[in-house]
Protein backbone atom coordinates (compact mmCIF):
# COMPACT_ATOMS: atom_id res chain seq x y z
CA UNK A 1 -7.43 28.75 33.69
CA UNK A 2 -8.33 25.59 35.55
CA UNK A 3 -8.55 22.05 34.21
CA UNK A 4 -12.32 22.29 33.87
CA UNK A 5 -12.04 25.27 31.51
CA UNK A 6 -9.39 23.51 29.42
CA UNK A 7 -11.61 20.43 29.23
CA UNK A 8 -14.52 22.54 28.04
CA UNK A 9 -12.37 24.06 25.31
CA UNK A 10 -11.18 20.66 24.15
CA UNK A 11 -14.71 19.28 24.18
CA UNK A 12 -15.89 22.27 22.17
CA UNK A 13 -13.14 21.82 19.59
CA UNK A 14 -13.92 18.12 19.25
CA UNK A 15 -17.60 18.86 18.90
CA UNK A 16 -16.95 21.31 16.07
CA UNK A 17 -15.07 18.65 14.12
CA UNK A 18 -18.33 16.68 13.88
CA UNK A 19 -20.32 19.69 12.67
CA UNK A 20 -17.80 21.55 10.51
CA UNK A 21 -17.74 20.48 6.86
CA UNK A 22 -14.24 21.87 6.23
CA UNK A 23 -12.43 18.59 7.03
CA UNK A 24 -14.64 16.80 4.52
CA UNK A 25 -14.02 19.50 1.93
CA UNK A 26 -10.26 19.14 2.44
CA UNK A 27 -10.46 15.37 2.03
CA UNK A 28 -12.51 15.82 -1.13
CA UNK A 29 -10.00 18.26 -2.62
CA UNK A 30 -7.11 15.91 -1.83
CA UNK A 31 -8.79 12.89 -3.42
CA UNK A 32 -9.47 14.93 -6.57
CA UNK A 33 -5.73 15.17 -7.25
CA UNK A 34 -4.52 12.72 -9.86
CA UNK A 35 -1.08 12.01 -8.45
CA UNK A 36 -0.04 12.73 -4.86
CA UNK A 37 3.10 10.58 -4.92
CA UNK A 38 6.17 12.25 -3.45
CA UNK A 39 7.86 14.69 -5.83
CA UNK A 40 4.97 14.86 -8.29
CA UNK A 41 2.84 17.98 -9.01
CA UNK A 42 -0.09 16.55 -7.05
CA UNK A 43 2.15 16.22 -4.00
CA UNK A 44 2.98 19.94 -4.06
CA UNK A 45 -0.67 20.90 -4.57
CA UNK A 46 -1.70 18.63 -1.67
CA UNK A 47 0.84 20.38 0.58
CA UNK A 48 -0.63 23.75 -0.38
CA UNK A 49 -4.16 22.58 0.43
CA UNK A 50 -3.10 21.22 3.83
CA UNK A 51 -1.19 24.43 4.63
CA UNK A 52 -4.27 26.51 3.76
CA UNK A 53 -6.39 24.28 6.02
CA UNK A 54 -3.95 24.74 8.90
CA UNK A 55 -4.02 28.52 8.52
CA UNK A 56 -7.83 28.53 8.35
CA UNK A 57 -7.86 26.52 11.59
CA UNK A 58 -5.78 29.23 13.26
CA UNK A 59 -2.37 27.56 13.31
CA UNK A 60 0.45 30.11 13.20
CA UNK A 61 3.71 30.07 11.24
CA UNK A 62 2.60 27.50 8.69
CA UNK A 63 5.36 26.98 6.12
CA UNK A 64 6.83 24.36 3.81
CA UNK A 65 10.38 23.02 3.95
CA UNK A 66 11.97 21.58 0.81
CA UNK A 67 14.09 18.43 0.75
CA UNK A 68 15.45 16.13 -1.94
CA UNK A 69 14.12 12.66 -2.67
CA UNK A 70 14.19 10.10 -5.44
CA UNK A 71 10.86 10.41 -7.23
CA UNK A 72 9.05 7.19 -8.07
CA UNK A 73 6.62 7.10 -11.00
CA UNK A 74 3.91 4.46 -11.40
CA UNK A 75 3.03 3.25 -14.90
CA UNK A 76 0.70 0.43 -15.87
CA UNK A 77 0.51 -2.75 -13.80
CA UNK A 78 -0.88 -6.13 -14.86
CA UNK A 79 -1.56 -9.32 -12.93
CA UNK A 80 -2.94 -12.47 -14.59
CA UNK A 81 -3.33 -15.98 -13.17
CA UNK A 82 -3.56 -19.33 -14.94
CA UNK A 83 -4.57 -22.67 -13.43
CA UNK A 84 -3.43 -25.20 -16.07
CA UNK A 85 -5.32 -28.18 -14.64
CA UNK A 86 -8.65 -26.37 -14.96
CA UNK A 87 -8.01 -24.11 -17.94
CA UNK A 88 -8.55 -21.00 -15.81
CA UNK A 89 -7.05 -17.72 -16.95
CA UNK A 90 -8.02 -14.50 -15.19
CA UNK A 91 -6.73 -10.96 -14.82
CA UNK A 92 -7.06 -8.94 -11.61
CA UNK A 93 -7.06 -5.23 -10.92
CA UNK A 94 -3.83 -4.30 -9.18
CA UNK A 95 -1.49 -1.41 -8.44
CA UNK A 96 2.28 -1.35 -8.07
CA UNK A 97 3.41 -0.20 -4.63
CA UNK A 98 5.66 2.88 -4.41
CA UNK A 99 9.34 2.20 -5.04
CA UNK A 100 8.61 -1.13 -6.65
CA UNK A 101 11.15 -1.83 -9.41
CA UNK A 102 9.90 -2.52 -12.94
CA UNK A 103 9.26 -6.18 -13.65
CA UNK A 104 7.95 -8.58 -16.24
CA UNK A 105 7.80 -12.32 -15.73
CA UNK A 106 5.88 -15.47 -14.91
CA UNK A 107 6.25 -17.67 -11.83
CA UNK A 108 4.35 -20.02 -9.51
CA UNK A 109 1.94 -18.30 -7.10
CA UNK A 110 2.51 -19.24 -3.45
CA UNK A 111 0.33 -18.30 -0.47
CA UNK A 112 2.49 -17.26 2.51
CA UNK A 113 -0.21 -16.27 4.99
CA UNK A 114 0.91 -13.12 6.81
CA UNK A 115 4.38 -13.30 5.28
CA UNK A 116 6.31 -14.01 8.48
CA UNK A 117 9.81 -15.50 8.17
CA UNK A 118 8.53 -18.86 9.43
CA UNK A 119 5.69 -18.90 6.88
CA UNK A 120 8.05 -17.94 4.07
CA UNK A 121 10.47 -20.74 5.00
CA UNK A 122 7.66 -23.28 5.19
CA UNK A 123 6.14 -22.24 1.86
CA UNK A 124 9.40 -22.26 -0.15
CA UNK A 125 9.01 -19.10 -2.25
CA UNK A 126 12.29 -19.38 -4.17
CA UNK A 127 11.55 -18.29 -7.74
CA UNK A 128 7.86 -17.72 -6.93
CA UNK A 129 5.47 -14.81 -6.49
CA UNK A 130 4.38 -14.69 -2.85
CA UNK A 131 0.86 -13.58 -1.91
CA UNK A 132 0.21 -12.32 1.62
CA UNK A 133 -2.21 -10.33 3.73
CA UNK A 134 -1.54 -6.74 4.74
CA UNK A 135 -2.52 -7.45 8.34
CA UNK A 136 -0.16 -8.30 11.20
CA UNK A 137 -0.54 -11.83 12.67
CA UNK A 138 -2.49 -11.75 15.95
CA UNK A 139 0.34 -13.40 17.89
CA UNK A 140 3.23 -11.46 16.34
CA UNK A 141 3.55 -9.10 19.28
CA UNK A 142 4.17 -5.90 17.28
CA UNK A 143 3.20 -4.28 13.98
CA UNK A 144 4.64 -6.15 10.99
CA UNK A 145 5.25 -3.62 8.21
CA UNK A 146 5.06 -4.38 4.50
CA UNK A 147 8.73 -3.34 4.08
CA UNK A 148 9.73 -6.13 6.47
CA UNK A 149 7.59 -8.65 4.60
CA UNK A 150 9.16 -7.70 1.28
CA UNK A 151 12.65 -7.86 2.76
CA UNK A 152 12.11 -11.34 4.18
CA UNK A 153 10.52 -12.53 0.93
CA UNK A 154 13.46 -11.21 -1.10
CA UNK A 155 15.89 -12.96 1.23
CA UNK A 156 13.92 -16.18 0.74
CA UNK A 157 14.29 -15.88 -3.05
CA UNK A 158 10.83 -14.64 -4.06
CA UNK A 159 10.51 -12.99 -7.47
CA UNK A 160 7.73 -10.61 -6.41
CA UNK A 161 5.24 -9.96 -3.64
CA UNK A 162 1.44 -9.46 -3.79
CA UNK A 163 -0.26 -7.74 -0.84
CA UNK A 164 -3.95 -8.53 -0.38
CA UNK A 165 -5.99 -6.00 1.53
CA UNK A 166 -7.33 -7.39 4.83
CA UNK A 167 -10.18 -4.86 4.70
CA UNK A 168 -13.05 -5.70 2.31
CA UNK A 169 -14.34 -3.14 -0.18
CA UNK A 170 -12.77 -3.87 -3.59
CA UNK A 171 -9.83 -1.50 -2.98
CA UNK A 172 -6.21 -2.55 -3.48
CA UNK A 173 -3.83 -1.41 -0.73
CA UNK A 174 -0.89 0.84 -1.41
CA UNK A 175 2.08 2.18 0.54
CA UNK A 176 5.82 2.44 0.07
CA UNK A 177 7.97 -0.68 0.05
CA UNK A 178 10.87 1.46 1.21
CA UNK A 179 11.75 5.14 1.21
CA UNK A 180 13.77 7.00 -1.39
CA UNK A 181 15.02 3.99 -3.33
CA UNK A 182 13.92 0.88 -5.19
CA UNK A 183 12.81 -2.12 -3.18
CA UNK A 184 14.66 -5.43 -3.49
CA UNK A 185 11.75 -7.07 -5.35
CA UNK A 186 8.53 -5.81 -6.96
CA UNK A 187 5.39 -5.38 -4.87
CA UNK A 188 1.75 -5.16 -5.92
CA UNK A 189 -1.54 -4.58 -4.11
CA UNK A 190 -4.91 -6.25 -4.74
CA UNK A 191 -8.28 -6.02 -2.97
CA UNK A 192 -9.36 -8.41 -0.21
CA UNK A 193 -11.83 -9.97 -2.64
CA UNK A 194 -9.17 -10.56 -5.30
CA UNK A 195 -6.86 -11.88 -2.59
CA UNK A 196 -9.31 -14.65 -1.74
CA UNK A 197 -9.26 -15.79 -5.36
CA UNK A 198 -5.48 -15.64 -5.51
CA UNK A 199 -5.05 -17.75 -2.38
CA UNK A 200 -7.53 -20.31 -3.73
CA UNK A 201 -5.69 -20.47 -7.05
CA UNK A 202 -2.32 -20.72 -5.30
CA UNK A 203 -3.58 -23.86 -3.55
CA UNK A 204 -4.36 -25.31 -6.99
CA UNK A 205 -0.85 -24.78 -8.31
CA UNK A 206 -1.52 -21.58 -10.25
CA UNK A 207 1.04 -19.56 -12.14
CA UNK A 208 0.98 -15.79 -12.31
CA UNK A 209 2.12 -13.29 -14.92
CA UNK A 210 3.19 -9.87 -13.65
CA UNK A 211 4.15 -6.74 -15.54
CA UNK A 212 5.07 -3.50 -13.77
CA UNK A 213 6.02 -0.27 -15.49
CA UNK A 214 7.71 1.97 -12.94
CA UNK A 215 10.64 4.33 -12.69
CA UNK A 216 12.66 5.70 -9.77
């Protein structure tokens, strides 16, 4: 089989992905599951759905391999901001990020930009709740993962960390703060729209109340 034939086969396979509704059906089934966090029933069901999709696509020897992990369970999460000078008090929709420890407390809200070590040092987050963007700074030179941001914030003395989505759409971001164990400090996610409010309030000297119910 020459390169031209292989190219035709690849092109045909790619074309079918645009016409076949099975990928969309799989995505729909996955998003219907209540809880796909690692070690939960939804996680197992998701693996079964993906395995079935692989077999339907013609992949051979599809099987699951078991391994142990520390299961993290998300409870309720609350985030409320007060701006004493203006009498503002607002609550924001938020989610705790996987492997966040439980937490309840109140602290100053500090904007730390992208959460780089230099920004954290300049902002002085000791005893504060740091708010940052999920994106990597344009001049950072490599991807800057949330786990790094949390680690640097914890080393700088922050009480907790709030990740604001850099993509608009009213959806809070999520993603593990570390794998298979509690993070050094709590982490929460809020939408890009909520993040704009939080950064504005941080500039006005706001305080934030955080409560996270979680268990590892």
